Each structure stands twice: as C-alpha cells, then as structure tokens.
C-alpha cells in the first residue's frame, strides 16, 4: 500500500527513508517473557537486525505489520508486545538509494543561491518512493541544480522542505543547502509559513468562514485513507473561506489556509464536514444529479496557489502566487454557468 504525497506534511510522517535490504514477509518468533512490554518497533528491530529501529517504525506507520491471529488490529509504533505474540512484517519495495537526474521541465517562480520556488503541475510526484522510482520533482531538481541540493531531507528527497499530493497542483519551496533547509523547516514548525489553497467542493458551504480542527492519522476502517482520529494522530487545523457558490448549492469554491500541514489534511477535513473535494478519488462523495463537468473531473480540485515565507538569509518576506491551472479554471467556468 502506498499513500500519495501529502499536503505540506511534516516530512517524518509517511514515506520510508530506508532502502530496505530485503523485501517479502518477515515473521517474528513468539514474544518471550523477557521481551514482554517491549515497544513494537524495538521488538522488530531485535528480531530483524538488518532493519534499524527507525526503519521498523516507518514500516509500522505504513501499516505493513500485522499481529498473527488478529490481522485487522491497527498497530502503533509504541504498542507493547505481549508474551506469545507473533508479528508479520512486509517492508515496501526497495527504491533506488540515489535518485537519478532527469531533464523534466520545471516552472520556476524564483531562484537564488539558497532556494528555489516551483509551481508543480498536477500529476507530478514530489519525491521517489515505492511505485514512483523515477519521473519525480526530485529527479527534475537534481538535473536542474546538480550537486547543490540539500541532503538534509534524506537521499530520496534532497532539498524537499514540504510536499503536496501528486494530483494537487501548486507552489513549493525547495532548499539548495542544509543551512537554508533547517531554517525553512523551522518556519514550518513555527507556523509562520503562509499557505493558501484554492479548492472546489461539493455542496453549499453555509459559513462564509470556518475552521476545522481534528487530529489526523491513518483510518482504522480503511488503511488506504487518512482520517480524523482520537489516537496516534497529529494536530491539524484548517481555516477556510467561502469564495462562491454554484448551481444553487451543488458546489462551492473555497480557499483554505493551513495552520498545520498533515497528510491529506484539506481533503480529510473538508470531507469530515460534508464538503469533500470535487474529483477526489479517495474521500469524495458525489451527490446525486451532479453535473458532468464536476462529476468526471479527473483529480481532486485543489491548488496550492499562494506561499509566503521569510527568506532565511535576507530576512525579506517573499510571497508567491500561481494562478489556477487550466483544468481548474475550466471547471470554475463550467460551474459558474450552471
């Protein structure tokens, strides 16, 4: 199972950094009395020393560990193992240790010696992972920047400070050295980065402004989805503003301001209040009688249209805007004509 890129997520959440030395199913021996109450990540690392503890933790977070006899149970990194437990661990497919440069065109909004700002098209994965080893933004950046990219984000995502979903378009800032990477990461952690997304959602959004608060983690009901959870989630806050309503309330145009950035945050939060994104294949609920222009929109109608941050070296406040791509602009026009 693989979850696509996230809406400006914290980089330590979803994808594994480790190039796994082996794949297949690994079955532990029974937990002994001496091992009882050991954390699950530590227990797996003890059983399989070819995997680091952090690597085992990422495999657990990716929902690729099962308790034999209770395979539907959702496991957490800090779960305590019990005497007699047996676990099955299935690491993801190995990916190249070092992505190769690829001459993929980039829409660069700004560039200097420390960073660059790019407008990512929908359909482009941010960094390599299982199922997407090549043809990513990272491959394009390596070709453009050569050896200058920061390595602090890991070998698979050099320079990447934040991410957006494969099928979400919009603006990203990329660090070209470790010093810049650290300081941009601090701005994200301190919530001083301004991020505004344009989105089209189903239904009439009644409030002109609102906020959705709810910790986000992996869904207990569907492991391919994220959800608002009460356990093992991360704090998530999305502010939204209604821009327009179409067709008497069949759909609305909103803009979302992220206070935090978690995996699929906007998609999960808007779906949780009954206004899933048009075109969202994972969280979308298409209403009866939906117009074809929206019903068959081929991706989630979400665009990271504004990014503002302080340049780490000059202390200048930089703000960038990217207009809606043509597919979303055409959707807006079609909805306005209803």
C-alpha atoms as a PDB file:
ATOM      1  CA  UNK A   1       0.000   0.000   0.000  1.00  0.00           C
ATOM      2  CA  UNK A   2       1.229   3.437  -0.828  1.00  0.00           C
ATOM      3  CA  UNK A   3      -0.244   6.776   0.149  1.00  0.00           C
ATOM      4  CA  UNK A   4       0.432   9.582  -2.272  1.00  0.00           C
ATOM      5  CA  UNK A   5       2.212  12.803  -1.493  1.00  0.00           C
ATOM      6  CA  UNK A   6       0.819  14.877   1.305  1.00  0.00           C
ATOM      7  CA  UNK A   7      -0.494  18.411   1.567  1.00  0.00           C
ATOM      8  CA  UNK A   8       2.552  20.122   3.058  1.00  0.00           C
ATOM      9  CA  UNK A   9       3.106  17.340   5.532  1.00  0.00           C
ATOM     10  CA  UNK A  10       5.795  17.090   8.140  1.00  0.00           C
ATOM     11  CA  UNK A  11       8.471  15.126   6.385  1.00  0.00           C
ATOM     12  CA  UNK A  12       8.914  12.483   9.072  1.00  0.00           C
ATOM     13  CA  UNK A  13       5.445  11.020   8.679  1.00  0.00           C
ATOM     14  CA  UNK A  14       4.703   8.882   5.672  1.00  0.00           C
ATOM     15  CA  UNK A  15       7.391   7.540   3.416  1.00  0.00           C
ATOM     16  CA  UNK A  16      10.357   5.461   4.481  1.00  0.00           C
ATOM     17  CA  UNK A  17      13.860   6.870   4.164  1.00  0.00           C
ATOM     18  CA  UNK A  18      15.442   3.472   4.372  1.00  0.00           C
ATOM     19  CA  UNK A  19      16.439   1.491   1.316  1.00  0.00           C
ATOM     20  CA  UNK A  20      15.272  -1.848   2.614  1.00  0.00           C
ATOM     21  CA  UNK A  21      17.877  -4.588   2.206  1.00  0.00           C
ATOM     22  CA  UNK A  22      15.221  -7.250   1.749  1.00  0.00           C
ATOM     23  CA  UNK A  23      11.578  -7.485   0.836  1.00  0.00           C
ATOM     24  CA  UNK A  24       8.997 -10.191   1.390  1.00  0.00           C
ATOM     25  CA  UNK A  25       7.211 -11.231   4.574  1.00  0.00           C
ATOM     26  CA  UNK A  26       9.197 -11.402   7.809  1.00  0.00           C
ATOM     27  CA  UNK A  27       7.678 -13.472  10.630  1.00  0.00           C
ATOM     28  CA  UNK A  28       8.869 -12.970  14.192  1.00  0.00           C
ATOM     29  CA  UNK A  29       9.304 -15.717  16.763  1.00  0.00           C
ATOM     30  CA  UNK A  30       6.899 -15.684  19.686  1.00  0.00           C
ATOM     31  CA  UNK A  31       7.438 -12.893  22.189  1.00  0.00           C
ATOM     32  CA  UNK A  32       9.223 -14.249  25.254  1.00  0.00           C
ATOM     33  CA  UNK A  33       8.621 -13.275  28.871  1.00  0.00           C
ATOM     34  CA  UNK A  34      11.820 -11.223  28.787  1.00  0.00           C
ATOM     35  CA  UNK A  35      10.600  -9.329  25.709  1.00  0.00           C
ATOM     36  CA  UNK A  36       7.081  -8.693  27.017  1.00  0.00           C
ATOM     37  CA  UNK A  37       6.143  -4.991  27.229  1.00  0.00           C
ATOM     38  CA  UNK A  38       8.897  -4.089  24.762  1.00  0.00           C
ATOM     39  CA  UNK A  39       7.853  -1.462  22.209  1.00  0.00           C
ATOM     40  CA  UNK A  40       6.832  -2.979  18.901  1.00  0.00           C
ATOM     41  CA  UNK A  41       9.419  -1.052  16.853  1.00  0.00           C
ATOM     42  CA  UNK A  42      12.211  -2.178  19.176  1.00  0.00           C
ATOM     43  CA  UNK A  43      10.988  -5.786  19.147  1.00  0.00           C
ATOM     44  CA  UNK A  44      11.003  -5.884  15.326  1.00  0.00           C
ATOM     45  CA  UNK A  45      14.499  -4.390  15.204  1.00  0.00           C
ATOM     46  CA  UNK A  46      15.696  -7.033  17.688  1.00  0.00           C
ATOM     47  CA  UNK A  47      14.154  -9.823  15.618  1.00  0.00           C
ATOM     48  CA  UNK A  48      15.455  -8.469  12.319  1.00  0.00           C
ATOM     49  CA  UNK A  49      18.768  -6.650  12.893  1.00  0.00           C
ATOM     50  CA  UNK A  50      19.069  -5.828   9.178  1.00  0.00           C
ATOM     51  CA  UNK A  51      16.359  -3.226   9.863  1.00  0.00           C
ATOM     52  CA  UNK A  52      17.029  -0.244  12.079  1.00  0.00           C
ATOM     53  CA  UNK A  53      14.560   0.650  14.812  1.00  0.00           C
ATOM     54  CA  UNK A  54      13.570   3.816  12.948  1.00  0.00           C
ATOM     55  CA  UNK A  55      13.142   1.742   9.798  1.00  0.00           C
ATOM     56  CA  UNK A  56      10.893  -0.695  11.654  1.00  0.00           C
ATOM     57  CA  UNK A  57       8.905   2.259  12.999  1.00  0.00           C
ATOM     58  CA  UNK A  58       8.312   3.575   9.491  1.00  0.00           C
ATOM     59  CA  UNK A  59       7.123   0.153   8.337  1.00  0.00           C
ATOM     60  CA  UNK A  60       4.646   0.098  11.228  1.00  0.00           C
ATOM     61  CA  UNK A  61       3.476   3.639  10.351  1.00  0.00           C
ATOM     62  CA  UNK A  62       2.997   2.470   6.762  1.00  0.00           C
ATOM     63  CA  UNK A  63       0.603  -0.180   8.149  1.00  0.00           C
ATOM     64  CA  UNK A  64       2.721  -3.076   6.929  1.00  0.00           C
ATOM     65  CA  UNK A  65       2.894  -5.024  10.213  1.00  0.00           C
ATOM     66  CA  UNK A  66       0.210  -7.493  11.314  1.00  0.00           C
ATOM     67  CA  UNK A  67      -0.427  -9.341  14.569  1.00  0.00           C
ATOM     68  CA  UNK A  68      -0.900 -13.017  13.715  1.00  0.00           C
ATOM     69  CA  UNK A  69      -4.348 -14.061  14.856  1.00  0.00           C
ATOM     70  CA  UNK A  70      -5.701 -10.503  14.804  1.00  0.00           C
ATOM     71  CA  UNK A  71      -4.784  -9.135  11.358  1.00  0.00           C
ATOM     72  CA  UNK A  72      -7.392  -6.333  11.426  1.00  0.00           C
ATOM     73  CA  UNK A  73      -5.905  -4.705  14.501  1.00  0.00           C
ATOM     74  CA  UNK A  74      -4.292  -1.322  13.794  1.00  0.00           C
ATOM     75  CA  UNK A  75      -0.791  -1.333  15.276  1.00  0.00           C
ATOM     76  CA  UNK A  76       1.178   1.626  16.572  1.00  0.00           C
ATOM     77  CA  UNK A  77       4.922   2.124  16.956  1.00  0.00           C
ATOM     78  CA  UNK A  78       4.669   2.369  20.750  1.00  0.00           C
ATOM     79  CA  UNK A  79       2.406  -0.662  21.231  1.00  0.00           C
ATOM     80  CA  UNK A  80       3.765  -3.040  23.884  1.00  0.00           C
ATOM     81  CA  UNK A  81       4.225  -6.637  22.735  1.00  0.00           C
ATOM     82  CA  UNK A  82       2.785  -9.472  24.808  1.00  0.00           C
ATOM     83  CA  UNK A  83       4.029 -12.968  25.618  1.00  0.00           C
ATOM     84  CA  UNK A  84       3.217 -15.334  22.765  1.00  0.00           C
ATOM     85  CA  UNK A  85       2.554 -12.620  20.170  1.00  0.00           C
ATOM     86  CA  UNK A  86       3.776 -13.274  16.627  1.00  0.00           C
ATOM     87  CA  UNK A  87       4.048 -10.476  14.077  1.00  0.00           C
ATOM     88  CA  UNK A  88       4.312 -10.410  10.289  1.00  0.00           C
ATOM     89  CA  UNK A  89       6.237  -7.514   8.728  1.00  0.00           C
ATOM     90  CA  UNK A  90       6.104  -6.746   4.998  1.00  0.00           C
ATOM     91  CA  UNK A  91       8.560  -3.992   4.008  1.00  0.00           C
ATOM     92  CA  UNK A  92       7.720  -1.912   0.939  1.00  0.00           C
ATOM     93  CA  UNK A  93       9.558  -2.450  -2.305  1.00  0.00           C
ATOM     94  CA  UNK A  94      13.087  -1.123  -2.335  1.00  0.00           C
ATOM     95  CA  UNK A  95      13.643   2.146  -4.191  1.00  0.00           C
ATOM     96  CA  UNK A  96      16.873   3.494  -5.668  1.00  0.00           C
ATOM     97  CA  UNK A  97      19.232   4.759  -2.959  1.00  0.00           C
ATOM     98  CA  UNK A  98      20.125   7.812  -5.012  1.00  0.00           C
ATOM     99  CA  UNK A  99      17.608   9.279  -7.471  1.00  0.00           C
ATOM    100  CA  UNK A 100      18.932   9.955 -10.942  1.00  0.00           C
ATOM    101  CA  UNK A 101      18.755  13.424 -12.529  1.00  0.00           C
ATOM    102  CA  UNK A 102      16.096  13.663 -15.236  1.00  0.00           C
ATOM    103  CA  UNK A 103      15.519  16.521 -17.663  1.00  0.00           C
ATOM    104  CA  UNK A 104      11.919  17.256 -16.665  1.00  0.00           C
ATOM    105  CA  UNK A 105      10.706  20.831 -17.336  1.00  0.00           C
ATOM    106  CA  UNK A 106      10.181  22.984 -14.251  1.00  0.00           C
ATOM    107  CA  UNK A 107       8.009  26.072 -13.785  1.00  0.00           C
ATOM    108  CA  UNK A 108      10.383  28.097 -11.598  1.00  0.00           C
ATOM    109  CA  UNK A 109       8.868  31.177  -9.959  1.00  0.00           C
ATOM    110  CA  UNK A 110      12.022  32.270  -8.118  1.00  0.00           C
ATOM    111  CA  UNK A 111      15.602  31.094  -7.661  1.00  0.00           C
ATOM    112  CA  UNK A 112      18.777  32.231  -5.920  1.00  0.00           C
ATOM    113  CA  UNK A 113      21.808  30.548  -4.344  1.00  0.00           C
ATOM    114  CA  UNK A 114      19.816  29.333  -1.333  1.00  0.00           C
ATOM    115  CA  UNK A 115      16.432  28.228  -2.611  1.00  0.00           C
ATOM    116  CA  UNK A 116      14.009  28.000  -5.462  1.00  0.00           C
ATOM    117  CA  UNK A 117      10.242  28.189  -5.675  1.00  0.00           C
ATOM    118  CA  UNK A 118       8.457  25.980  -8.184  1.00  0.00           C
ATOM    119  CA  UNK A 119       4.886  25.649  -9.419  1.00  0.00           C
ATOM    120  CA  UNK A 120       4.254  21.897  -9.510  1.00  0.00           C
ATOM    121  CA  UNK A 121       1.775  20.584 -12.074  1.00  0.00           C
ATOM    122  CA  UNK A 122      -0.862  18.038 -11.117  1.00  0.00           C
ATOM    123  CA  UNK A 123       0.310  14.500 -11.809  1.00  0.00           C
ATOM    124  CA  UNK A 124       3.925  15.055 -10.754  1.00  0.00           C
ATOM    125  CA  UNK A 125       5.070  13.144  -7.646  1.00  0.00           C
ATOM    126  CA  UNK A 126       7.337  15.168  -5.366  1.00  0.00           C
ATOM    127  CA  UNK A 127       9.930  12.539  -4.497  1.00  0.00           C
ATOM    128  CA  UNK A 128      10.684   8.909  -5.384  1.00  0.00           C
ATOM    129  CA  UNK A 129       9.004   6.122  -3.472  1.00  0.00           C
ATOM    130  CA  UNK A 130       7.572   2.674  -3.936  1.00  0.00           C
ATOM    131  CA  UNK A 131       5.667   2.722  -7.219  1.00  0.00           C
ATOM    132  CA  UNK A 132       7.249   6.010  -8.325  1.00  0.00           C
ATOM    133  CA  UNK A 133      11.019   5.483  -8.513  1.00  0.00           C
ATOM    134  CA  UNK A 134      11.523   7.965 -11.358  1.00  0.00           C
ATOM    135  CA  UNK A 135       9.916  10.938 -13.072  1.00  0.00           C
ATOM    136  CA  UNK A 136       9.503  12.948  -9.860  1.00  0.00           C
ATOM    137  CA  UNK A 137      10.119  16.554  -8.889  1.00  0.00           C
ATOM    138  CA  UNK A 138      13.295  15.447  -7.114  1.00  0.00           C
ATOM    139  CA  UNK A 139      14.631  13.888 -10.324  1.00  0.00           C
ATOM    140  CA  UNK A 140      13.927  17.160 -12.130  1.00  0.00           C
ATOM    141  CA  UNK A 141      15.553  19.238  -9.381  1.00  0.00           C
ATOM    142  CA  UNK A 142      18.705  17.108  -9.428  1.00  0.00           C
ATOM    143  CA  UNK A 143      19.054  17.767 -13.142  1.00  0.00           C
ATOM    144  CA  UNK A 144      18.477  21.497 -12.676  1.00  0.00           C
ATOM    145  CA  UNK A 145      20.543  22.080  -9.518  1.00  0.00           C
ATOM    146  CA  UNK A 146      23.207  19.400  -9.982  1.00  0.00           C
ATOM    147  CA  UNK A 147      25.147  18.906  -6.720  1.00  0.00           C
ATOM    148  CA  UNK A 148      23.860  21.949  -4.843  1.00  0.00           C
ATOM    149  CA  UNK A 149      20.728  20.427  -3.310  1.00  0.00           C
ATOM    150  CA  UNK A 150      20.454  19.994   0.408  1.00  0.00           C
ATOM    151  CA  UNK A 151      20.677  16.437   1.671  1.00  0.00           C
ATOM    152  CA  UNK A 152      19.005  17.077   4.988  1.00  0.00           C
ATOM    153  CA  UNK A 153      15.679  15.774   3.711  1.00  0.00           C
ATOM    154  CA  UNK A 154      17.199  12.360   3.036  1.00  0.00           C
ATOM    155  CA  UNK A 155      18.715  10.777  -0.056  1.00  0.00           C
ATOM    156  CA  UNK A 156      15.317  10.282  -1.706  1.00  0.00           C
ATOM    157  CA  UNK A 157      14.147  13.856  -1.198  1.00  0.00           C
ATOM    158  CA  UNK A 158      17.116  16.219  -1.180  1.00  0.00           C
ATOM    159  CA  UNK A 159      16.059  19.807  -0.639  1.00  0.00           C
ATOM    160  CA  UNK A 160      12.389  18.981  -0.106  1.00  0.00           C
ATOM    161  CA  UNK A 161      11.015  21.008   2.803  1.00  0.00           C
ATOM    162  CA  UNK A 162       7.302  20.262   2.290  1.00  0.00           C
ATOM    163  CA  UNK A 163       5.144  18.345  -0.147  1.00  0.00           C
ATOM    164  CA  UNK A 164       1.801  18.321  -1.882  1.00  0.00           C
ATOM    165  CA  UNK A 165      -0.139  15.406  -3.316  1.00  0.00           C
ATOM    166  CA  UNK A 166       0.692  14.027  -6.729  1.00  0.00           C
ATOM    167  CA  UNK A 167      -2.654  15.205  -8.103  1.00  0.00           C
ATOM    168  CA  UNK A 168      -2.602  18.577  -6.346  1.00  0.00           C
ATOM    169  CA  UNK A 169      -1.019  21.456  -8.242  1.00  0.00           C
ATOM    170  CA  UNK A 170       0.780  24.451  -6.816  1.00  0.00           C
ATOM    171  CA  UNK A 171       3.720  26.127  -5.155  1.00  0.00           C
ATOM    172  CA  UNK A 172       6.608  24.515  -3.280  1.00  0.00           C
ATOM    173  CA  UNK A 173       9.823  25.981  -1.863  1.00  0.00           C
ATOM    174  CA  UNK A 174      12.999  23.890  -2.195  1.00  0.00           C
ATOM    175  CA  UNK A 175      16.220  24.395  -0.205  1.00  0.00           C
ATOM    176  CA  UNK A 176      19.564  24.292  -2.038  1.00  0.00           C
ATOM    177  CA  UNK A 177      21.723  23.841   1.065  1.00  0.00           C
ATOM    178  CA  UNK A 178      21.422  22.439   4.579  1.00  0.00           C
ATOM    179  CA  UNK A 179      21.531  25.832   6.290  1.00  0.00           C
ATOM    180  CA  UNK A 180      18.531  27.054   4.315  1.00  0.00           C
ATOM    181  CA  UNK A 181      16.714  23.756   4.747  1.00  0.00           C
ATOM    182  CA  UNK A 182      16.979  23.916   8.530  1.00  0.00           C
ATOM    183  CA  UNK A 183      15.686  27.477   8.716  1.00  0.00           C
ATOM    184  CA  UNK A 184      12.804  26.914   6.346  1.00  0.00           C
ATOM    185  CA  UNK A 185      11.868  23.793   8.331  1.00  0.00           C
ATOM    186  CA  UNK A 186      11.832  25.925  11.488  1.00  0.00           C
ATOM    187  CA  UNK A 187       9.378  28.322   9.845  1.00  0.00           C
ATOM    188  CA  UNK A 188       7.060  25.438   9.009  1.00  0.00           C
ATOM    189  CA  UNK A 189       7.336  24.128  12.574  1.00  0.00           C
ATOM    190  CA  UNK A 190       6.569  27.595  13.971  1.00  0.00           C
ATOM    191  CA  UNK A 191       3.588  28.019  11.586  1.00  0.00           C
ATOM    192  CA  UNK A 192       4.958  31.269  10.125  1.00  0.00           C
ATOM    193  CA  UNK A 193       4.667  29.998   6.545  1.00  0.00           C
ATOM    194  CA  UNK A 194       1.572  31.307   4.749  1.00  0.00           C
ATOM    195  CA  UNK A 195      -0.168  28.671   2.625  1.00  0.00           C
ATOM    196  CA  UNK A 196      -3.433  29.287   0.814  1.00  0.00           C
ATOM    197  CA  UNK A 197      -5.122  26.658  -1.332  1.00  0.00           C
ATOM    198  CA  UNK A 198      -7.952  27.078  -3.848  1.00  0.00           C
ATOM    199  CA  UNK A 199     -10.476  24.251  -3.896  1.00  0.00           C
ATOM    200  CA  UNK A 200     -13.841  23.286  -5.338  1.00  0.00           C
ATOM    201  CA  UNK A 201     -16.016  21.182  -3.057  1.00  0.00           C
ATOM    202  CA  UNK A 202     -19.394  19.503  -3.256  1.00  0.00           C
ATOM    203  CA  UNK A 203     -22.380  21.233  -1.719  1.00  0.00           C
ATOM    204  CA  UNK A 204     -23.287  24.633  -0.374  1.00  0.00           C
ATOM    205  CA  UNK A 205     -20.754  25.761   2.218  1.00  0.00           C
ATOM    206  CA  UNK A 206     -23.032  27.747   4.512  1.00  0.00           C
ATOM    207  CA  UNK A 207     -20.451  29.547   6.647  1.00  0.00           C
ATOM    208  CA  UNK A 208     -18.550  32.370   4.973  1.00  0.00           C
ATOM    209  CA  UNK A 209     -15.570  31.458   7.150  1.00  0.00           C
ATOM    210  CA  UNK A 210     -14.852  28.492   9.352  1.00  0.00           C
ATOM    211  CA  UNK A 211     -12.206  26.299  10.900  1.00  0.00           C
ATOM    212  CA  UNK A 212     -11.857  22.524  11.104  1.00  0.00           C
ATOM    213  CA  UNK A 213      -9.824  21.110  13.996  1.00  0.00           C
ATOM    214  CA  UNK A 214      -9.092  17.404  14.262  1.00  0.00           C
ATOM    215  CA  UNK A 215      -6.053  15.193  14.710  1.00  0.00           C
ATOM    216  CA  UNK A 216      -5.207  13.280  11.547  1.00  0.00           C
ATOM    217  CA  UNK A 217      -3.869   9.741  11.398  1.00  0.00           C
ATOM    218  CA  UNK A 218      -4.386   6.550   9.465  1.00  0.00           C
ATOM    219  CA  UNK A 219      -8.011   5.468   9.229  1.00  0.00           C
ATOM    220  CA  UNK A 220      -8.873   2.443  11.408  1.00  0.00           C
ATOM    221  CA  UNK A 221     -11.549   1.417   8.885  1.00  0.00           C
ATOM    222  CA  UNK A 222      -9.576   1.808   5.645  1.00  0.00           C
ATOM    223  CA  UNK A 223      -5.814   1.606   5.716  1.00  0.00           C
ATOM    224  CA  UNK A 224      -5.517   3.401   2.376  1.00  0.00           C
ATOM    225  CA  UNK A 225      -7.051   6.536   3.859  1.00  0.00           C
ATOM    226  CA  UNK A 226      -6.271   9.121   6.498  1.00  0.00           C
ATOM    227  CA  UNK A 227      -8.953  10.236   8.956  1.00  0.00           C
ATOM    228  CA  UNK A 228      -9.705  12.384  11.981  1.00  0.00           C
ATOM    229  CA  UNK A 229      -8.675  10.124  14.852  1.00  0.00           C
ATOM    230  CA  UNK A 230      -8.516  10.150  18.643  1.00  0.00           C
ATOM    231  CA  UNK A 231      -5.344   8.014  18.878  1.00  0.00           C
ATOM    232  CA  UNK A 232      -1.970   8.145  17.148  1.00  0.00           C
ATOM    233  CA  UNK A 233      -2.893  11.250  15.175  1.00  0.00           C
ATOM    234  CA  UNK A 234      -1.217  14.637  14.743  1.00  0.00           C
ATOM    235  CA  UNK A 235      -2.787  18.012  15.448  1.00  0.00           C
ATOM    236  CA  UNK A 236      -4.333  19.506  12.324  1.00  0.00           C
ATOM    237  CA  UNK A 237      -6.097  22.853  11.797  1.00  0.00           C
ATOM    238  CA  UNK A 238      -7.615  24.110   8.541  1.00  0.00           C
ATOM    239  CA  UNK A 239      -9.186  27.551   8.147  1.00  0.00           C
ATOM    240  CA  UNK A 240     -11.500  28.050   5.182  1.00  0.00           C
ATOM    241  CA  UNK A 241     -13.371  30.873   3.475  1.00  0.00           C
ATOM    242  CA  UNK A 242     -16.236  30.569   1.031  1.00  0.00           C
ATOM    243  CA  UNK A 243     -15.500  32.352  -2.238  1.00  0.00           C
ATOM    244  CA  UNK A 244     -18.529  31.407  -4.377  1.00  0.00           C
ATOM    245  CA  UNK A 245     -21.470  29.012  -4.610  1.00  0.00           C
ATOM    246  CA  UNK A 246     -22.530  27.407  -7.897  1.00  0.00           C
ATOM    247  CA  UNK A 247     -25.722  25.906  -9.299  1.00  0.00           C
ATOM    248  CA  UNK A 248     -27.880  26.785  -6.332  1.00  0.00           C
ATOM    249  CA  UNK A 249     -25.584  24.942  -3.965  1.00  0.00           C
ATOM    250  CA  UNK A 250     -24.389  21.944  -5.947  1.00  0.00           C
ATOM    251  CA  UNK A 251     -20.768  23.050  -5.417  1.00  0.00           C
ATOM    252  CA  UNK A 252     -18.710  25.779  -3.781  1.00  0.00           C
ATOM    253  CA  UNK A 253     -15.376  27.485  -4.358  1.00  0.00           C
ATOM    254  CA  UNK A 254     -13.383  27.839  -1.143  1.00  0.00           C
ATOM    255  CA  UNK A 255      -9.909  28.840  -0.136  1.00  0.00           C
ATOM    256  CA  UNK A 256      -8.148  27.048   2.687  1.00  0.00           C
ATOM    257  CA  UNK A 257      -5.456  28.487   4.914  1.00  0.00           C
ATOM    258  CA  UNK A 258      -3.321  25.838   6.583  1.00  0.00           C
ATOM    259  CA  UNK A 259      -2.321  26.344  10.182  1.00  0.00           C
ATOM    260  CA  UNK A 260      -0.704  22.904  10.151  1.00  0.00           C
ATOM    261  CA  UNK A 261       0.167  20.581   7.295  1.00  0.00           C
ATOM    262  CA  UNK A 262      -0.665  16.891   7.592  1.00  0.00           C
ATOM    263  CA  UNK A 263      -1.154  14.057   5.157  1.00  0.00           C
ATOM    264  CA  UNK A 264      -4.258  14.793   3.033  1.00  0.00           C
ATOM    265  CA  UNK A 265      -5.251  17.459   5.560  1.00  0.00           C
ATOM    266  CA  UNK A 266      -7.570  19.595   3.427  1.00  0.00           C
ATOM    267  CA  UNK A 267      -9.127  16.550   1.785  1.00  0.00           C
ATOM    268  CA  UNK A 268      -9.844  14.859   5.128  1.00  0.00           C
ATOM    269  CA  UNK A 269     -11.033  17.981   6.936  1.00  0.00           C
ATOM    270  CA  UNK A 270     -13.420  19.140   4.217  1.00  0.00           C
ATOM    271  CA  UNK A 271     -14.834  15.638   3.792  1.00  0.00           C
ATOM    272  CA  UNK A 272     -15.388  15.497   7.567  1.00  0.00           C
ATOM    273  CA  UNK A 273     -17.798  18.473   7.399  1.00  0.00           C
ATOM    274  CA  UNK A 274     -19.668  17.101   4.407  1.00  0.00           C
ATOM    275  CA  UNK A 275     -17.894  19.024   1.666  1.00  0.00           C
ATOM    276  CA  UNK A 276     -15.456  16.638   0.012  1.00  0.00           C
ATOM    277  CA  UNK A 277     -13.329  17.912  -2.846  1.00  0.00           C
ATOM    278  CA  UNK A 278     -14.648  17.556  -6.358  1.00  0.00           C
ATOM    279  CA  UNK A 279     -12.682  14.872  -8.176  1.00  0.00           C
ATOM    280  CA  UNK A 280     -11.216  13.335  -5.023  1.00  0.00           C
ATOM    281  CA  UNK A 281     -10.980   9.582  -5.704  1.00  0.00           C
ATOM    282  CA  UNK A 282     -10.301   8.677  -2.071  1.00  0.00           C
ATOM    283  CA  UNK A 283     -12.519  10.920   0.039  1.00  0.00           C
ATOM    284  CA  UNK A 284     -15.030  12.283  -2.471  1.00  0.00           C
ATOM    285  CA  UNK A 285     -18.769  11.626  -2.253  1.00  0.00           C
ATOM    286  CA  UNK A 286     -20.501  12.613  -5.500  1.00  0.00           C
ATOM    287  CA  UNK A 287     -24.069  13.857  -4.906  1.00  0.00           C
ATOM    288  CA  UNK A 288     -27.000  12.693  -6.957  1.00  0.00           C
ATOM    289  CA  UNK A 289     -27.583  14.765 -10.056  1.00  0.00           C
ATOM    290  CA  UNK A 290     -24.052  16.120 -10.059  1.00  0.00           C
ATOM    291  CA  UNK A 291     -23.196  17.972 -13.284  1.00  0.00           C
ATOM    292  CA  UNK A 292     -20.872  16.140 -15.635  1.00  0.00           C
ATOM    293  CA  UNK A 293     -18.291  18.954 -15.578  1.00  0.00           C
ATOM    294  CA  UNK A 294     -17.644  18.174 -11.903  1.00  0.00           C
ATOM    295  CA  UNK A 295     -18.693  14.534 -11.722  1.00  0.00           C
ATOM    296  CA  UNK A 296     -15.965  13.494 -14.149  1.00  0.00           C
ATOM    297  CA  UNK A 297     -13.244  15.930 -13.076  1.00  0.00           C
ATOM    298  CA  UNK A 298     -10.128  13.711 -13.183  1.00  0.00           C
ATOM    299  CA  UNK A 299      -8.341  14.795  -9.992  1.00  0.00           C
ATOM    300  CA  UNK A 300      -9.006  16.446  -6.659  1.00  0.00           C
ATOM    301  CA  UNK A 301      -9.787  20.093  -7.431  1.00  0.00           C
ATOM    302  CA  UNK A 302      -7.073  21.513  -5.191  1.00  0.00           C
ATOM    303  CA  UNK A 303      -4.364  24.052  -5.986  1.00  0.00           C
ATOM    304  CA  UNK A 304      -1.669  25.490  -3.687  1.00  0.00           C
ATOM    305  CA  UNK A 305      -1.969  28.992  -5.089  1.00  0.00           C
ATOM    306  CA  UNK A 306      -0.126  31.121  -2.513  1.00  0.00           C
ATOM    307  CA  UNK A 307       3.046  30.661  -0.480  1.00  0.00           C
ATOM    308  CA  UNK A 308       4.648  33.246   1.770  1.00  0.00           C
ATOM    309  CA  UNK A 309       7.784  32.885   3.899  1.00  0.00           C
ATOM    310  CA  UNK A 310      10.776  34.819   5.199  1.00  0.00           C
ATOM    311  CA  UNK A 311      13.981  34.353   3.224  1.00  0.00           C
ATOM    312  CA  UNK A 312      16.390  32.716   5.699  1.00  0.00           C
ATOM    313  CA  UNK A 313      19.409  34.755   4.584  1.00  0.00           C
ATOM    314  CA  UNK A 314      17.980  38.190   3.779  1.00  0.00           C
ATOM    315  CA  UNK A 315      15.007  38.235   6.201  1.00  0.00           C
ATOM    316  CA  UNK A 316      12.909  39.558   3.325  1.00  0.00           C
ATOM    317  CA  UNK A 317       9.292  38.440   3.267  1.00  0.00           C
ATOM    318  CA  UNK A 318       8.671  36.653  -0.022  1.00  0.00           C
ATOM    319  CA  UNK A 319       5.192  35.935  -1.384  1.00  0.00           C
ATOM    320  CA  UNK A 320       4.351  33.925  -4.482  1.00  0.00           C
ATOM    321  CA  UNK A 321       1.115  33.312  -6.323  1.00  0.00           C
ATOM    322  CA  UNK A 322       0.309  30.806  -9.040  1.00  0.00           C
ATOM    323  CA  UNK A 323      -2.970  31.083 -10.937  1.00  0.00           C
ATOM    324  CA  UNK A 324      -5.301  28.111 -11.167  1.00  0.00           C
ATOM    325  CA  UNK A 325      -4.148  25.651 -13.817  1.00  0.00           C
ATOM    326  CA  UNK A 326      -6.295  25.413 -16.933  1.00  0.00           C
ATOM    327  CA  UNK A 327      -8.269  22.359 -15.810  1.00  0.00           C
ATOM    328  CA  UNK A 328      -9.467  24.038 -12.605  1.00  0.00           C
ATOM    329  CA  UNK A 329     -10.105  27.337 -14.396  1.00  0.00           C
ATOM    330  CA  UNK A 330     -12.294  25.487 -16.899  1.00  0.00           C
ATOM    331  CA  UNK A 331     -14.100  23.714 -14.050  1.00  0.00           C
ATOM    332  CA  UNK A 332     -14.800  27.060 -12.401  1.00  0.00           C
ATOM    333  CA  UNK A 333     -16.170  28.461 -15.650  1.00  0.00           C
ATOM    334  CA  UNK A 334     -18.399  25.429 -16.189  1.00  0.00           C
ATOM    335  CA  UNK A 335     -19.740  25.572 -12.616  1.00  0.00           C
ATOM    336  CA  UNK A 336     -20.415  29.303 -12.916  1.00  0.00           C
ATOM    337  CA  UNK A 337     -22.544  28.604 -15.993  1.00  0.00           C
ATOM    338  CA  UNK A 338     -24.875  26.198 -14.163  1.00  0.00           C
END
